Amino acid sequence: MIDIFENRAIDENQLERVNKIKGQADNLYKYILEMCQGNREQSIAITKLEESVMWATKSIAHEQKNWGR
């Protein structure tokens, strides 16, 4: 199996950075809810924010090693 699909343990520094990203995303999420009407576009903005956090978190988790590349 290719290693890129396996979960990775992260160190304290990485965890701190992930939590900072999530905290900032939470602030933006609340701001979007406050500033935008509850419509399709708002829903897409929130979905893309969730996606952005996911990819940023994955980027941090993958930085330790060159996983199969």
PDB file of N, CA and C in Angstrom:
ATOM      1  N   MET A   1       0.842  -1.186   0.000  1.00  0.00           N
ATOM      2  CA  MET A   1       0.000   0.000   0.000  1.00  0.00           C
ATOM      3  C   MET A   1       0.888   1.250   0.000  1.00  0.00           C
ATOM      4  N   ILE A   2       0.457   2.258  -0.663  1.00  0.00           N
ATOM      5  CA  ILE A   2       1.198   3.512  -0.747  1.00  0.00           C
ATOM      6  C   ILE A   2       1.050   4.276   0.572  1.00  0.00           C
ATOM      7  N   ASP A   3       2.149   4.782   1.101  1.00  0.00           N
ATOM      8  CA  ASP A   3       2.162   5.453   2.396  1.00  0.00           C
ATOM      9  C   ASP A   3       1.339   6.740   2.444  1.00  0.00           C
ATOM     10  N   ILE A   4       1.058   7.349   1.310  1.00  0.00           N
ATOM     11  CA  ILE A   4       0.348   8.628   1.337  1.00  0.00           C
ATOM     12  C   ILE A   4      -1.070   8.508   1.888  1.00  0.00           C
ATOM     13  N   PHE A   5      -1.607   7.300   1.976  1.00  0.00           N
ATOM     14  CA  PHE A   5      -2.963   7.110   2.472  1.00  0.00           C
ATOM     15  C   PHE A   5      -3.015   6.760   3.953  1.00  0.00           C
ATOM     16  N   GLU A   6      -1.867   6.676   4.595  1.00  0.00           N
ATOM     17  CA  GLU A   6      -1.826   6.318   6.005  1.00  0.00           C
ATOM     18  C   GLU A   6      -1.863   7.566   6.878  1.00  0.00           C
ATOM     19  N   ASN A   7      -2.458   7.432   8.059  1.00  0.00           N
ATOM     20  CA  ASN A   7      -2.461   8.524   9.031  1.00  0.00           C
ATOM     21  C   ASN A   7      -1.055   8.730   9.552  1.00  0.00           C
ATOM     22  N   ARG A   8      -0.765   9.950   9.950  1.00  0.00           N
ATOM     23  CA  ARG A   8       0.556  10.275  10.459  1.00  0.00           C
ATOM     24  C   ARG A   8       0.452  10.915  11.828  1.00  0.00           C
ATOM     25  N   ALA A   9       1.348  10.546  12.708  1.00  0.00           N
ATOM     26  CA  ALA A   9       1.447  11.216  13.997  1.00  0.00           C
ATOM     27  C   ALA A   9       2.134  12.561  13.767  1.00  0.00           C
ATOM     28  N   ILE A  10       1.673  13.578  14.456  1.00  0.00           N
ATOM     29  CA  ILE A  10       2.302  14.889  14.335  1.00  0.00           C
ATOM     30  C   ILE A  10       2.912  15.267  15.671  1.00  0.00           C
ATOM     31  N   ASP A  11       3.962  16.078  15.607  1.00  0.00           N
ATOM     32  CA  ASP A  11       4.637  16.489  16.835  1.00  0.00           C
ATOM     33  C   ASP A  11       3.944  17.715  17.440  1.00  0.00           C
ATOM     34  N   GLU A  12       4.457  18.170  18.575  1.00  0.00           N
ATOM     35  CA  GLU A  12       3.836  19.292  19.300  1.00  0.00           C
ATOM     36  C   GLU A  12       3.818  20.571  18.469  1.00  0.00           C
ATOM     37  N   ASN A  13       4.907  20.844  17.752  1.00  0.00           N
ATOM     38  CA  ASN A  13       4.979  22.035  16.914  1.00  0.00           C
ATOM     39  C   ASN A  13       3.921  21.990  15.821  1.00  0.00           C
ATOM     40  N   GLN A  14       3.799  20.852  15.188  1.00  0.00           N
ATOM     41  CA  GLN A  14       2.804  20.702  14.129  1.00  0.00           C
ATOM     42  C   GLN A  14       1.390  20.841  14.696  1.00  0.00           C
ATOM     43  N   LEU A  15       1.144  20.245  15.860  1.00  0.00           N
ATOM     44  CA  LEU A  15      -0.172  20.337  16.485  1.00  0.00           C
ATOM     45  C   LEU A  15      -0.527  21.778  16.802  1.00  0.00           C
ATOM     46  N   GLU A  16       0.432  22.520  17.284  1.00  0.00           N
ATOM     47  CA  GLU A  16       0.202  23.935  17.585  1.00  0.00           C
ATOM     48  C   GLU A  16      -0.175  24.702  16.316  1.00  0.00           C
ATOM     49  N   ARG A  17       0.522  24.429  15.233  1.00  0.00           N
ATOM     50  CA  ARG A  17       0.236  25.110  13.966  1.00  0.00           C
ATOM     51  C   ARG A  17      -1.136  24.718  13.418  1.00  0.00           C
ATOM     52  N   VAL A  18      -1.480  23.433  13.520  1.00  0.00           N
ATOM     53  CA  VAL A  18      -2.802  22.974  13.082  1.00  0.00           C
ATOM     54  C   VAL A  18      -3.887  23.687  13.887  1.00  0.00           C
ATOM     55  N   ASN A  19      -3.690  23.782  15.192  1.00  0.00           N
ATOM     56  CA  ASN A  19      -4.683  24.445  16.040  1.00  0.00           C
ATOM     57  C   ASN A  19      -4.814  25.926  15.714  1.00  0.00           C
ATOM     58  N   LYS A  20      -3.719  26.586  15.357  1.00  0.00           N
ATOM     59  CA  LYS A  20      -3.780  27.992  14.952  1.00  0.00           C
ATOM     60  C   LYS A  20      -4.586  28.146  13.658  1.00  0.00           C
ATOM     61  N   ILE A  21      -4.350  27.254  12.718  1.00  0.00           N
ATOM     62  CA  ILE A  21      -5.108  27.296  11.458  1.00  0.00           C
ATOM     63  C   ILE A  21      -6.590  27.095  11.742  1.00  0.00           C
ATOM     64  N   LYS A  22      -6.918  26.117  12.565  1.00  0.00           N
ATOM     65  CA  LYS A  22      -8.319  25.844  12.896  1.00  0.00           C
ATOM     66  C   LYS A  22      -8.959  27.015  13.638  1.00  0.00           C
ATOM     67  N   GLY A  23      -8.194  27.661  14.500  1.00  0.00           N
ATOM     68  CA  GLY A  23      -8.714  28.828  15.210  1.00  0.00           C
ATOM     69  C   GLY A  23      -9.035  29.979  14.264  1.00  0.00           C
ATOM     70  N   GLN A  24      -8.132  30.225  13.325  1.00  0.00           N
ATOM     71  CA  GLN A  24      -8.379  31.282  12.347  1.00  0.00           C
ATOM     72  C   GLN A  24      -9.564  30.929  11.445  1.00  0.00           C
ATOM     73  N   ALA A  25      -9.664  29.667  11.075  1.00  0.00           N
ATOM     74  CA  ALA A  25     -10.790  29.228  10.241  1.00  0.00           C
ATOM     75  C   ALA A  25     -12.103  29.397  10.998  1.00  0.00           C
ATOM     76  N   ASP A  26     -12.098  29.117  12.299  1.00  0.00           N
ATOM     77  CA  ASP A  26     -13.296  29.297  13.111  1.00  0.00           C
ATOM     78  C   ASP A  26     -13.722  30.758  13.135  1.00  0.00           C
ATOM     79  N   ASN A  27     -12.743  31.668  13.239  1.00  0.00           N
ATOM     80  CA  ASN A  27     -13.059  33.101  13.192  1.00  0.00           C
ATOM     81  C   ASN A  27     -13.690  33.482  11.856  1.00  0.00           C
ATOM     82  N   LEU A  28     -13.111  32.993  10.770  1.00  0.00           N
ATOM     83  CA  LEU A  28     -13.653  33.294   9.448  1.00  0.00           C
ATOM     84  C   LEU A  28     -15.035  32.672   9.269  1.00  0.00           C
ATOM     85  N   TYR A  29     -15.221  31.457   9.762  1.00  0.00           N
ATOM     86  CA  TYR A  29     -16.530  30.785   9.697  1.00  0.00           C
ATOM     87  C   TYR A  29     -17.603  31.650  10.368  1.00  0.00           C
ATOM     88  N   LYS A  30     -17.311  32.135  11.565  1.00  0.00           N
ATOM     89  CA  LYS A  30     -18.272  32.972  12.288  1.00  0.00           C
ATOM     90  C   LYS A  30     -18.551  34.269  11.537  1.00  0.00           C
ATOM     91  N   TYR A  31     -17.501  34.837  10.934  1.00  0.00           N
ATOM     92  CA  TYR A  31     -17.651  36.069  10.173  1.00  0.00           C
ATOM     93  C   TYR A  31     -18.510  35.839   8.928  1.00  0.00           C
ATOM     94  N   ILE A  32     -18.300  34.734   8.257  1.00  0.00           N
ATOM     95  CA  ILE A  32     -19.129  34.404   7.088  1.00  0.00           C
ATOM     96  C   ILE A  32     -20.587  34.263   7.497  1.00  0.00           C
ATOM     97  N   LEU A  33     -20.850  33.582   8.593  1.00  0.00           N
ATOM     98  CA  LEU A  33     -22.231  33.431   9.072  1.00  0.00           C
ATOM     99  C   LEU A  33     -22.850  34.779   9.392  1.00  0.00           C
ATOM    100  N   GLU A  34     -22.059  35.678   9.954  1.00  0.00           N
ATOM    101  CA  GLU A  34     -22.557  37.000  10.341  1.00  0.00           C
ATOM    102  C   GLU A  34     -22.788  37.912   9.137  1.00  0.00           C
ATOM    103  N   MET A  35     -21.894  37.852   8.166  1.00  0.00           N
ATOM    104  CA  MET A  35     -21.913  38.809   7.062  1.00  0.00           C
ATOM    105  C   MET A  35     -22.699  38.353   5.836  1.00  0.00           C
ATOM    106  N   CYS A  36     -22.885  37.071   5.669  1.00  0.00           N
ATOM    107  CA  CYS A  36     -23.521  36.555   4.456  1.00  0.00           C
ATOM    108  C   CYS A  36     -24.897  35.980   4.781  1.00  0.00           C
ATOM    109  N   GLN A  37     -25.790  36.118   3.821  1.00  0.00           N
ATOM    110  CA  GLN A  37     -27.108  35.515   3.972  1.00  0.00           C
ATOM    111  C   GLN A  37     -26.987  34.002   3.910  1.00  0.00           C
ATOM    112  N   GLY A  38     -27.923  33.318   4.565  1.00  0.00           N
ATOM    113  CA  GLY A  38     -27.933  31.856   4.535  1.00  0.00           C
ATOM    114  C   GLY A  38     -28.434  31.344   3.194  1.00  0.00           C
ATOM    115  N   ASN A  39     -27.559  31.311   2.212  1.00  0.00           N
ATOM    116  CA  ASN A  39     -27.937  30.860   0.877  1.00  0.00           C
ATOM    117  C   ASN A  39     -26.897  29.873   0.347  1.00  0.00           C
ATOM    118  N   ARG A  40     -27.071  29.480  -0.873  1.00  0.00           N
ATOM    119  CA  ARG A  40     -26.169  28.508  -1.497  1.00  0.00           C
ATOM    120  C   ARG A  40     -24.725  28.996  -1.489  1.00  0.00           C
ATOM    121  N   GLU A  41     -24.529  30.255  -1.799  1.00  0.00           N
ATOM    122  CA  GLU A  41     -23.175  30.803  -1.853  1.00  0.00           C
ATOM    123  C   GLU A  41     -22.497  30.764  -0.475  1.00  0.00           C
ATOM    124  N   GLN A  42     -23.248  31.063   0.565  1.00  0.00           N
ATOM    125  CA  GLN A  42     -22.700  30.976   1.918  1.00  0.00           C
ATOM    126  C   GLN A  42     -22.296  29.536   2.231  1.00  0.00           C
ATOM    127  N   SER A  43     -23.148  28.614   1.859  1.00  0.00           N
ATOM    128  CA  SER A  43     -22.868  27.199   2.081  1.00  0.00           C
ATOM    129  C   SER A  43     -21.600  26.762   1.349  1.00  0.00           C
ATOM    130  N   ILE A  44     -21.433  27.219   0.123  1.00  0.00           N
ATOM    131  CA  ILE A  44     -20.225  26.883  -0.646  1.00  0.00           C
ATOM    132  C   ILE A  44     -18.996  27.506   0.001  1.00  0.00           C
ATOM    133  N   ALA A  45     -19.102  28.743   0.470  1.00  0.00           N
ATOM    134  CA  ALA A  45     -17.978  29.400   1.137  1.00  0.00           C
ATOM    135  C   ALA A  45     -17.539  28.610   2.366  1.00  0.00           C
ATOM    136  N   ILE A  46     -18.499  28.136   3.138  1.00  0.00           N
ATOM    137  CA  ILE A  46     -18.183  27.353   4.333  1.00  0.00           C
ATOM    138  C   ILE A  46     -17.557  26.011   3.951  1.00  0.00           C
ATOM    139  N   THR A  47     -18.100  25.376   2.928  1.00  0.00           N
ATOM    140  CA  THR A  47     -17.533  24.105   2.465  1.00  0.00           C
ATOM    141  C   THR A  47     -16.094  24.287   2.004  1.00  0.00           C
ATOM    142  N   LYS A  48     -15.825  25.354   1.271  1.00  0.00           N
ATOM    143  CA  LYS A  48     -14.465  25.613   0.789  1.00  0.00           C
ATOM    144  C   LYS A  48     -13.534  25.949   1.945  1.00  0.00           C
ATOM    145  N   LEU A  49     -14.039  26.605   2.972  1.00  0.00           N
ATOM    146  CA  LEU A  49     -13.236  26.877   4.157  1.00  0.00           C
ATOM    147  C   LEU A  49     -12.864  25.567   4.843  1.00  0.00           C
ATOM    148  N   GLU A  50     -13.823  24.670   4.988  1.00  0.00           N
ATOM    149  CA  GLU A  50     -13.553  23.348   5.561  1.00  0.00           C
ATOM    150  C   GLU A  50     -12.506  22.607   4.734  1.00  0.00           C
ATOM    151  N   GLU A  51     -12.645  22.695   3.422  1.00  0.00           N
ATOM    152  CA  GLU A  51     -11.692  22.036   2.522  1.00  0.00           C
ATOM    153  C   GLU A  51     -10.296  22.635   2.678  1.00  0.00           C
ATOM    154  N   SER A  52     -10.225  23.942   2.804  1.00  0.00           N
ATOM    155  CA  SER A  52      -8.951  24.616   2.977  1.00  0.00           C
ATOM    156  C   SER A  52      -8.250  24.168   4.258  1.00  0.00           C
ATOM    157  N   VAL A  53      -9.001  24.062   5.343  1.00  0.00           N
ATOM    158  CA  VAL A  53      -8.424  23.591   6.605  1.00  0.00           C
ATOM    159  C   VAL A  53      -7.922  22.159   6.463  1.00  0.00           C
ATOM    160  N   MET A  54      -8.696  21.334   5.783  1.00  0.00           N
ATOM    161  CA  MET A  54      -8.294  19.942   5.586  1.00  0.00           C
ATOM    162  C   MET A  54      -6.956  19.864   4.852  1.00  0.00           C
ATOM    163  N   TRP A  55      -6.823  20.612   3.758  1.00  0.00           N
ATOM    164  CA  TRP A  55      -5.595  20.547   2.970  1.00  0.00           C
ATOM    165  C   TRP A  55      -4.413  21.155   3.722  1.00  0.00           C
ATOM    166  N   ALA A  56      -4.649  22.228   4.457  1.00  0.00           N
ATOM    167  CA  ALA A  56      -3.571  22.838   5.237  1.00  0.00           C
ATOM    168  C   ALA A  56      -3.086  21.881   6.316  1.00  0.00           C
ATOM    169  N   THR A  57      -4.018  21.207   6.982  1.00  0.00           N
ATOM    170  CA  THR A  57      -3.675  20.232   8.011  1.00  0.00           C
ATOM    171  C   THR A  57      -2.893  19.068   7.407  1.00  0.00           C
ATOM    172  N   LYS A  58      -3.339  18.606   6.257  1.00  0.00           N
ATOM    173  CA  LYS A  58      -2.642  17.509   5.584  1.00  0.00           C
ATOM    174  C   LYS A  58      -1.229  17.943   5.181  1.00  0.00           C
ATOM    175  N   SER A  59      -1.091  19.171   4.749  1.00  0.00           N
ATOM    176  CA  SER A  59       0.218  19.692   4.376  1.00  0.00           C
ATOM    177  C   SER A  59       1.169  19.651   5.565  1.00  0.00           C
ATOM    178  N   ILE A  60       0.694  20.039   6.726  1.00  0.00           N
ATOM    179  CA  ILE A  60       1.526  20.011   7.930  1.00  0.00           C
ATOM    180  C   ILE A  60       1.888  18.579   8.285  1.00  0.00           C
ATOM    181  N   ALA A  61       0.944  17.679   8.213  1.00  0.00           N
ATOM    182  CA  ALA A  61       1.197  16.279   8.567  1.00  0.00           C
ATOM    183  C   ALA A  61       2.186  15.616   7.614  1.00  0.00           C
ATOM    184  N   HIS A  62       2.244  16.071   6.380  1.00  0.00           N
ATOM    185  CA  HIS A  62       3.109  15.443   5.379  1.00  0.00           C
ATOM    186  C   HIS A  62       4.487  16.073   5.286  1.00  0.00           C
ATOM    187  N   GLU A  63       4.756  17.113   6.050  1.00  0.00           N
ATOM    188  CA  GLU A  63       6.022  17.815   5.858  1.00  0.00           C
ATOM    189  C   GLU A  63       7.215  17.107   6.482  1.00  0.00           C
ATOM    190  N   GLN A  64       7.016  16.185   7.390  1.00  0.00           N
ATOM    191  CA  GLN A  64       8.107  15.515   8.075  1.00  0.00           C
ATOM    192  C   GLN A  64       8.978  14.705   7.120  1.00  0.00           C
ATOM    193  N   LYS A  65       8.342  13.973   6.235  1.00  0.00           N
ATOM    194  CA  LYS A  65       9.085  13.083   5.344  1.00  0.00           C
ATOM    195  C   LYS A  65       8.606  13.287   3.919  1.00  0.00           C
ATOM    196  N   ASN A  66       9.368  12.828   3.001  1.00  0.00           N
ATOM    197  CA  ASN A  66       8.978  12.851   1.596  1.00  0.00           C
ATOM    198  C   ASN A  66       8.271  11.535   1.316  1.00  0.00           C
ATOM    199  N   TRP A  67       7.003  11.444   1.648  1.00  0.00           N
ATOM    200  CA  TRP A  67       6.216  10.206   1.648  1.00  0.00           C
ATOM    201  C   TRP A  67       6.051   9.630   0.244  1.00  0.00           C
ATOM    202  N   GLY A  68       6.967   8.796  -0.166  1.00  0.00           N
ATOM    203  CA  GLY A  68       6.830   8.072  -1.410  1.00  0.00           C
ATOM    204  C   GLY A  68       7.010   8.909  -2.666  1.00  0.00           C
ATOM    205  N   ARG A  69       7.575  10.088  -2.525  1.00  0.00           N
ATOM    206  CA  ARG A  69       7.760  10.937  -3.696  1.00  0.00           C
ATOM    207  C   ARG A  69       9.202  11.125  -3.999  1.00  0.00           C
TER     208      ARG A  69
END
